[in-house]
């Protein structure tokens, strides 16, 4: 059903774009198509952002600081 709705939206936009080009308002279809494509990209990227955030939500026990290694020797030049 989502795909049918997307195709219907595209058909309506193409019809509106052709009419708007006839009346010299061609920038409006570019704006509407860019909003539509931005929405699709945002929906596609949203699950990836959740995965990335959950990767950094580690338990406290893994976030302890380790002691730095002791210096063995110092080079003086």
N, C-alpha and C. Protein backbone atom coordinates (compact mmCIF):
# COMPACT_ATOMS: atom_id res chain seq x y z
N UNK A 1 0.82 -1.19 0.00
CA UNK A 1 0.00 0.00 0.00
C UNK A 1 0.87 1.26 0.00
N UNK A 2 2.01 1.21 0.70
CA UNK A 2 2.90 2.37 0.73
C UNK A 2 3.42 2.69 -0.67
N UNK A 3 3.77 1.65 -1.40
CA UNK A 3 4.32 1.85 -2.74
C UNK A 3 3.27 2.47 -3.66
N UNK A 4 2.03 2.03 -3.53
CA UNK A 4 0.95 2.59 -4.36
C UNK A 4 0.75 4.06 -4.03
N UNK A 5 0.81 4.39 -2.75
CA UNK A 5 0.66 5.78 -2.33
C UNK A 5 1.81 6.64 -2.86
N UNK A 6 3.03 6.11 -2.83
CA UNK A 6 4.19 6.85 -3.35
C UNK A 6 4.06 7.08 -4.86
N UNK A 7 3.64 6.06 -5.58
CA UNK A 7 3.48 6.19 -7.03
C UNK A 7 2.38 7.19 -7.35
N UNK A 8 1.28 7.14 -6.60
CA UNK A 8 0.20 8.09 -6.81
C UNK A 8 0.67 9.52 -6.55
N UNK A 9 1.46 9.71 -5.50
CA UNK A 9 2.00 11.03 -5.19
C UNK A 9 2.90 11.53 -6.32
N UNK A 10 3.71 10.65 -6.87
CA UNK A 10 4.60 11.03 -7.97
C UNK A 10 3.79 11.41 -9.21
N UNK A 11 2.74 10.65 -9.51
CA UNK A 11 1.89 10.96 -10.67
C UNK A 11 1.22 12.32 -10.49
N UNK A 12 0.71 12.58 -9.30
CA UNK A 12 0.08 13.87 -9.04
C UNK A 12 1.11 14.99 -9.19
N UNK A 13 2.31 14.78 -8.69
CA UNK A 13 3.36 15.80 -8.81
C UNK A 13 3.75 16.04 -10.27
N UNK A 14 3.81 14.99 -11.07
CA UNK A 14 4.16 15.16 -12.49
C UNK A 14 3.07 15.95 -13.21
N UNK A 15 1.82 15.65 -12.93
CA UNK A 15 0.72 16.39 -13.56
C UNK A 15 0.76 17.85 -13.11
N UNK A 16 0.98 18.08 -11.82
CA UNK A 16 1.06 19.46 -11.32
C UNK A 16 2.27 20.17 -11.91
N UNK A 17 3.37 19.46 -12.06
CA UNK A 17 4.58 20.07 -12.61
C UNK A 17 4.37 20.49 -14.05
N UNK A 18 3.73 19.64 -14.84
CA UNK A 18 3.51 20.01 -16.23
C UNK A 18 2.59 21.23 -16.34
N UNK A 19 1.59 21.31 -15.47
CA UNK A 19 0.72 22.49 -15.49
C UNK A 19 1.47 23.74 -15.04
N UNK A 20 2.29 23.60 -13.97
CA UNK A 20 3.03 24.75 -13.48
C UNK A 20 4.07 25.23 -14.49
N UNK A 21 4.67 24.32 -15.24
CA UNK A 21 5.60 24.74 -16.29
C UNK A 21 4.88 25.52 -17.38
N UNK A 22 3.64 25.17 -17.64
CA UNK A 22 2.86 25.88 -18.66
C UNK A 22 2.59 27.33 -18.24
N UNK A 23 2.43 27.57 -16.94
CA UNK A 23 2.14 28.93 -16.46
C UNK A 23 3.39 29.62 -15.91
N UNK A 24 4.57 29.15 -16.32
CA UNK A 24 5.86 29.76 -15.99
C UNK A 24 6.18 29.77 -14.49
N UNK A 25 5.79 28.72 -13.78
CA UNK A 25 6.12 28.56 -12.36
C UNK A 25 6.88 27.25 -12.15
N UNK A 26 7.96 27.08 -12.90
CA UNK A 26 8.68 25.81 -12.91
C UNK A 26 9.49 25.52 -11.66
N UNK A 27 9.76 26.50 -10.80
CA UNK A 27 10.56 26.25 -9.61
C UNK A 27 9.76 25.51 -8.54
N UNK A 28 8.46 25.63 -8.56
CA UNK A 28 7.63 24.99 -7.54
C UNK A 28 7.72 23.46 -7.61
N UNK A 29 7.69 22.85 -8.80
CA UNK A 29 7.85 21.39 -8.83
C UNK A 29 9.19 20.91 -8.30
N UNK A 30 10.26 21.66 -8.57
CA UNK A 30 11.56 21.28 -8.03
C UNK A 30 11.54 21.29 -6.51
N UNK A 31 10.89 22.27 -5.94
CA UNK A 31 10.79 22.35 -4.49
C UNK A 31 9.98 21.18 -3.94
N UNK A 32 8.86 20.86 -4.56
CA UNK A 32 8.03 19.76 -4.05
C UNK A 32 8.73 18.41 -4.21
N UNK A 33 9.44 18.20 -5.32
CA UNK A 33 10.18 16.94 -5.50
C UNK A 33 11.34 16.84 -4.50
N UNK A 34 12.00 17.96 -4.23
CA UNK A 34 13.10 17.91 -3.27
C UNK A 34 12.59 17.60 -1.87
N UNK A 35 11.45 18.14 -1.48
CA UNK A 35 10.87 17.83 -0.17
C UNK A 35 10.51 16.35 -0.10
N UNK A 36 9.93 15.82 -1.15
CA UNK A 36 9.56 14.40 -1.19
C UNK A 36 10.78 13.50 -1.08
N UNK A 37 11.82 13.81 -1.84
CA UNK A 37 13.03 12.98 -1.81
C UNK A 37 13.76 13.13 -0.48
N UNK A 38 13.74 14.31 0.11
CA UNK A 38 14.34 14.49 1.43
C UNK A 38 13.61 13.65 2.46
N UNK A 39 12.29 13.60 2.38
CA UNK A 39 11.50 12.78 3.30
C UNK A 39 11.85 11.30 3.16
N UNK A 40 11.97 10.83 1.93
CA UNK A 40 12.33 9.42 1.72
C UNK A 40 13.73 9.12 2.27
N UNK A 41 14.67 10.02 2.05
CA UNK A 41 16.03 9.81 2.56
C UNK A 41 16.05 9.83 4.08
N UNK A 42 15.29 10.73 4.69
CA UNK A 42 15.23 10.80 6.15
C UNK A 42 14.66 9.52 6.74
N UNK A 43 13.61 9.01 6.13
CA UNK A 43 13.01 7.75 6.61
C UNK A 43 13.98 6.60 6.47
N UNK A 44 14.79 6.61 5.43
CA UNK A 44 15.75 5.54 5.20
C UNK A 44 16.92 5.62 6.19
N UNK A 45 17.34 6.82 6.55
CA UNK A 45 18.49 6.98 7.42
C UNK A 45 18.14 6.87 8.90
N UNK A 46 16.89 7.04 9.27
CA UNK A 46 16.50 7.01 10.68
C UNK A 46 16.83 5.68 11.36
N UNK A 47 16.58 4.50 10.78
CA UNK A 47 16.95 3.25 11.46
C UNK A 47 18.45 3.11 11.65
N UNK A 48 19.25 3.63 10.73
CA UNK A 48 20.71 3.54 10.86
C UNK A 48 21.19 4.37 12.04
N UNK A 49 20.58 5.51 12.26
CA UNK A 49 20.97 6.37 13.38
C UNK A 49 20.65 5.68 14.70
N UNK A 50 19.55 4.97 14.78
CA UNK A 50 19.21 4.25 16.01
C UNK A 50 20.24 3.17 16.30
N UNK A 51 20.68 2.45 15.26
CA UNK A 51 21.69 1.41 15.46
C UNK A 51 22.99 2.02 15.95
N UNK A 52 23.37 3.16 15.37
CA UNK A 52 24.61 3.81 15.75
C UNK A 52 24.55 4.29 17.20
N UNK A 53 23.40 4.83 17.62
CA UNK A 53 23.27 5.29 19.00
C UNK A 53 23.30 4.11 19.97
N UNK A 54 22.68 2.99 19.63
CA UNK A 54 22.64 1.86 20.54
C UNK A 54 24.03 1.23 20.69
N UNK A 55 24.87 1.39 19.71
CA UNK A 55 26.22 0.84 19.79
C UNK A 55 27.02 1.58 20.87
N UNK A 56 26.75 2.87 21.07
CA UNK A 56 27.49 3.64 22.05
C UNK A 56 26.86 3.56 23.44
N UNK A 57 25.73 2.94 23.58
CA UNK A 57 25.08 2.79 24.88
C UNK A 57 25.55 1.50 25.54
N UNK A 58 26.84 1.46 25.89
CA UNK A 58 27.41 0.27 26.51
C UNK A 58 27.26 0.37 28.02
N UNK A 59 27.28 -0.75 28.72
CA UNK A 59 27.20 -0.73 30.17
C UNK A 59 28.39 0.00 30.79
N UNK A 60 28.23 0.43 32.02
CA UNK A 60 29.26 1.20 32.72
C UNK A 60 30.54 0.39 32.92
N UNK A 61 30.43 -0.91 33.10
CA UNK A 61 31.61 -1.72 33.40
C UNK A 61 32.64 -1.71 32.26
N UNK A 62 32.19 -1.46 31.04
CA UNK A 62 33.12 -1.42 29.92
C UNK A 62 33.74 -0.04 29.74
N UNK A 63 33.25 0.94 30.46
CA UNK A 63 33.72 2.30 30.28
C UNK A 63 34.74 2.73 31.33
N UNK A 64 35.31 1.80 32.09
CA UNK A 64 36.30 2.17 33.10
C UNK A 64 37.58 2.60 32.41
N UNK A 65 38.28 3.52 33.06
CA UNK A 65 39.52 4.02 32.49
C UNK A 65 40.65 3.06 32.83
N UNK A 66 41.49 2.82 31.87
CA UNK A 66 42.65 1.98 32.11
C UNK A 66 43.82 2.87 32.51
N UNK A 67 44.71 2.33 33.33
CA UNK A 67 45.88 3.10 33.72
C UNK A 67 46.87 3.14 32.56
N UNK A 68 47.48 4.28 32.34
CA UNK A 68 48.45 4.35 31.26
C UNK A 68 49.69 3.52 31.59
N UNK A 69 50.36 2.97 30.60
CA UNK A 69 51.56 2.16 30.89
C UNK A 69 52.67 3.04 31.43
N UNK A 70 53.49 2.45 32.31
CA UNK A 70 54.59 3.21 32.91
C UNK A 70 55.68 3.44 31.86
N UNK A 71 56.40 4.57 32.03
CA UNK A 71 57.51 4.86 31.14
C UNK A 71 58.68 3.96 31.48
N UNK A 72 59.23 3.35 30.47
CA UNK A 72 60.37 2.45 30.67
C UNK A 72 61.67 3.24 30.66
N UNK A 73 61.81 4.12 29.69
CA UNK A 73 63.04 4.89 29.58
C UNK A 73 62.71 6.21 28.92
N UNK A 74 63.55 7.17 29.16
CA UNK A 74 63.35 8.49 28.58
C UNK A 74 64.54 8.81 27.70
N UNK A 75 64.29 9.28 26.50
CA UNK A 75 65.36 9.61 25.57
C UNK A 75 65.66 11.09 25.70
N UNK A 76 66.91 11.41 25.98
CA UNK A 76 67.32 12.81 26.09
C UNK A 76 68.21 13.12 24.90
N UNK A 77 67.88 14.16 24.18
CA UNK A 77 68.69 14.54 23.02
C UNK A 77 69.35 15.87 23.20
